Amino acid sequence: MEQALIMILTEYAQKRCHADVSRYVSASLSRIRNAKFEDVLIVLGHFSPDWREHFEKKTAPEIKDAIDSIVNNRNQIAHGAQTGISLVTFMEYYKRLKAFIVELDAFVSAK
């Protein structure tokens, strides 16, 4: 999630901003870690309150939950905890995450 968000928004800044501003945006975005859905909304809101509102309202609850679950499970695994997540469940989360990223990319590209 983080890498997709960074890439999409950095590309947006490169196309729209002076090179100095674009570098600042890229550097700021590079600090994003463990981005749950609320964190994504905060970043989008920094670009435009309308962007945040759009994704807050239009994103299905199961996509929001998938994003948060991926982050939670990744953190637990990284710290050696047992998660109990199955491959089937993870693949469903991943499918939902990909759908969100495609929508985010299309939305930002149209701006």
Foldseek 3Di string as FASTA:
>chain_A
DLVLLLVLVLVLCVVPHDPVVSVVSSVVSVPDDLDQPVNSLVVLVVVPVVSSVCCVPPQDPLLSVLRNVVSVVVVCVVVPHDDPDDPVNNVVSVVSPVVVSVVVNVVSVVD
